[in-house]
C-alpha atoms as a PDB file:
ATOM      1  CA  LEU A   1     102.003  86.633 125.421  1.00  0.00           C
ATOM      2  CA  GLU A   2     105.574  87.749 124.748  1.00  0.00           C
ATOM      3  CA  LEU A   3     106.488  89.320 121.418  1.00  0.00           C
ATOM      4  CA  GLN A   4     110.093  88.548 120.527  1.00  0.00           C
ATOM      5  CA  ARG A   5     112.351  89.659 117.701  1.00  0.00           C
ATOM      6  CA  MET A   6     109.976  91.504 115.383  1.00  0.00           C
ATOM      7  CA  SER A   7     111.873  92.972 112.454  1.00  0.00           C
ATOM      8  CA  VAL A   8     111.217  94.422 109.016  1.00  0.00           C
ATOM      9  CA  SER A   9     114.028  94.533 106.460  1.00  0.00           C
ATOM     10  CA  ARG A  10     115.511  97.958 105.785  1.00  0.00           C
ATOM     11  CA  GLU A  11     114.276  98.046 102.206  1.00  0.00           C
ATOM     12  CA  GLN A  12     110.677  97.392 103.350  1.00  0.00           C
ATOM     13  CA  ARG A  13     110.589  99.938 106.178  1.00  0.00           C
ATOM     14  CA  GLY A  14     108.320 102.959 106.022  1.00  0.00           C
ATOM     15  CA  ARG A  15     105.433 101.040 104.446  1.00  0.00           C
ATOM     16  CA  GLY A  16     103.447 100.358 107.611  1.00  0.00           C
ATOM     17  CA  LEU A  17     104.436  96.694 107.815  1.00  0.00           C
ATOM     18  CA  ALA A  18     105.654  96.856 111.415  1.00  0.00           C
ATOM     19  CA  ARG A  19     102.419  98.568 112.502  1.00  0.00           C
ATOM     20  CA  ALA A  20     100.386  95.911 110.678  1.00  0.00           C
ATOM     21  CA  LEU A  21     102.426  93.103 112.256  1.00  0.00           C
ATOM     22  CA  CYS A  22     102.009  94.628 115.692  1.00  0.00           C
ATOM     23  CA  ARG A  23      98.236  95.001 115.233  1.00  0.00           C
ATOM     24  CA  GLU A  24      98.070  91.369 114.103  1.00  0.00           C
ATOM     25  CA  VAL A  25      99.954  90.181 117.190  1.00  0.00           C
ATOM     26  CA  LEU A  26      97.577  92.129 119.436  1.00  0.00           C
ATOM     27  CA  ALA A  27      94.521  90.714 117.624  1.00  0.00           C
ATOM     28  CA  PHE A  28      95.971  87.187 117.821  1.00  0.00           C
ATOM     29  CA  ALA A  29      96.556  87.537 121.567  1.00  0.00           C
ATOM     30  CA  ARG A  30      93.086  88.992 122.205  1.00  0.00           C
ATOM     31  CA  ALA A  31      91.383  86.246 120.189  1.00  0.00           C
ATOM     32  CA  ARG A  32      93.127  83.609 122.285  1.00  0.00           C
ATOM     33  CA  GLY A  33      92.259  85.167 125.618  1.00  0.00           C
ATOM     34  CA  PHE A  34      95.624  86.618 126.634  1.00  0.00           C
ATOM     35  CA  GLY A  35      95.379  89.527 129.039  1.00  0.00           C
ATOM     36  CA  ALA A  36      98.483  91.363 127.856  1.00  0.00           C
ATOM     37  CA  VAL A  37     101.366  91.372 125.410  1.00  0.00           C
ATOM     38  CA  VAL A  38     104.848  92.112 126.738  1.00  0.00           C
ATOM     39  CA  LEU A  39     108.098  92.846 124.939  1.00  0.00           C
ATOM     40  CA  SER A  40     111.542  94.339 125.418  1.00  0.00           C
ATOM     41  CA  THR A  41     113.606  96.617 123.220  1.00  0.00           C
ATOM     42  CA  SER A  42     116.888  98.434 123.677  1.00  0.00           C
ATOM     43  CA  MET A  43     117.267 102.094 124.460  1.00  0.00           C
ATOM     44  CA  VAL A  44     118.803 102.712 121.020  1.00  0.00           C
ATOM     45  CA  GLN A  45     115.749 101.352 119.170  1.00  0.00           C
ATOM     46  CA  VAL A  46     113.913 104.687 119.229  1.00  0.00           C
ATOM     47  CA  ALA A  47     111.748 103.910 116.186  1.00  0.00           C
ATOM     48  CA  ALA A  48     110.640 100.643 117.815  1.00  0.00           C
ATOM     49  CA  GLN A  49     109.786 102.489 121.034  1.00  0.00           C
ATOM     50  CA  ARG A  50     107.625 104.953 119.077  1.00  0.00           C
ATOM     51  CA  LEU A  51     105.940 102.090 117.213  1.00  0.00           C
ATOM     52  CA  TYR A  52     105.065 100.187 120.383  1.00  0.00           C
ATOM     53  CA  GLU A  53     103.909 103.271 122.266  1.00  0.00           C
ATOM     54  CA  GLY A  54     101.732 104.208 119.285  1.00  0.00           C
ATOM     55  CA  GLN A  55     100.110 100.767 119.447  1.00  0.00           C
ATOM     56  CA  GLY A  56      99.153 101.152 123.106  1.00  0.00           C
ATOM     57  CA  PHE A  57     102.179  99.679 124.861  1.00  0.00           C
ATOM     58  CA  ARG A  58     103.485 101.450 127.937  1.00  0.00           C
ATOM     59  CA  ARG A  59     106.972 101.258 129.361  1.00  0.00           C
ATOM     60  CA  VAL A  60     106.854  99.321 132.609  1.00  0.00           C
ATOM     61  CA  GLY A  61     110.523  99.062 133.484  1.00  0.00           C
ATOM     62  CA  ALA A  62     114.127  98.994 132.396  1.00  0.00           C
ATOM     63  CA  SER A  63     117.096  96.791 133.085  1.00  0.00           C
ATOM     64  CA  SER A  64     120.726  96.452 132.149  1.00  0.00           C
ATOM     65  CA  PRO A  65     121.645  93.300 130.217  1.00  0.00           C
ATOM     66  CA  SER A  66     125.049  92.861 131.862  1.00  0.00           C
ATOM     67  CA  LEU A  67     127.700  94.419 134.067  1.00  0.00           C
ATOM     68  CA  LEU A  68     129.199  96.054 130.968  1.00  0.00           C
ATOM     69  CA  GLY A  69     125.729  97.382 130.099  1.00  0.00           C
ATOM     70  CA  THR A  70     125.509  98.878 133.583  1.00  0.00           C
ATOM     71  CA  ILE A  71     128.911 100.540 133.227  1.00  0.00           C
ATOM     72  CA  LEU A  72     127.941 101.936 129.809  1.00  0.00           C
ATOM     73  CA  HIS A  73     124.445 102.939 131.035  1.00  0.00           C
ATOM     74  CA  PHE A  74     122.884 100.737 128.335  1.00  0.00           C
ATOM     75  CA  GLN A  75     119.318  99.743 129.108  1.00  0.00           C
ATOM     76  CA  ILE A  76     116.677  97.376 127.875  1.00  0.00           C
ATOM     77  CA  PHE A  77     113.182  98.858 128.109  1.00  0.00           C
ATOM     78  CA  HIS A  78     110.268  96.586 129.019  1.00  0.00           C
ATOM     79  CA  TYR A  79     106.813  97.264 127.587  1.00  0.00           C
ATOM     80  CA  ARG A  80     103.319  95.940 128.241  1.00  0.00           C
ATOM     81  CA  CYS A  81     100.027  96.319 126.403  1.00  0.00           C
ATOM     82  CA  ASP A  82      97.000  95.339 128.491  1.00  0.00           C
ATOM     83  CA  LEU A  83      94.472  93.905 126.063  1.00  0.00           C
ATOM     84  CA  GLY A  84      91.364  94.543 128.138  1.00  0.00           C
ATOM     85  CA  ALA A  85      92.038  98.297 128.043  1.00  0.00           C
ATOM     86  CA  ARG A  86      91.850  98.733 124.244  1.00  0.00           C
END
């Protein structure tokens, strides 16, 4: 299962909503027999990286989104959470 574009509005941040959403996605995927959840986030989304790592995701790779991204050393980090391991 791929998690795309999860976001919590600025005024609602810090209330645990992103953690709750992430837990719900993982439970949804487990209940439907998915073996893993994958996602990508940019190198500048440090809070998102901490959130995902805290929920059991591990970084499995990185890529550059474009030639300009390569020149600027901008990376997209790829994460995976294996559901059988939790």
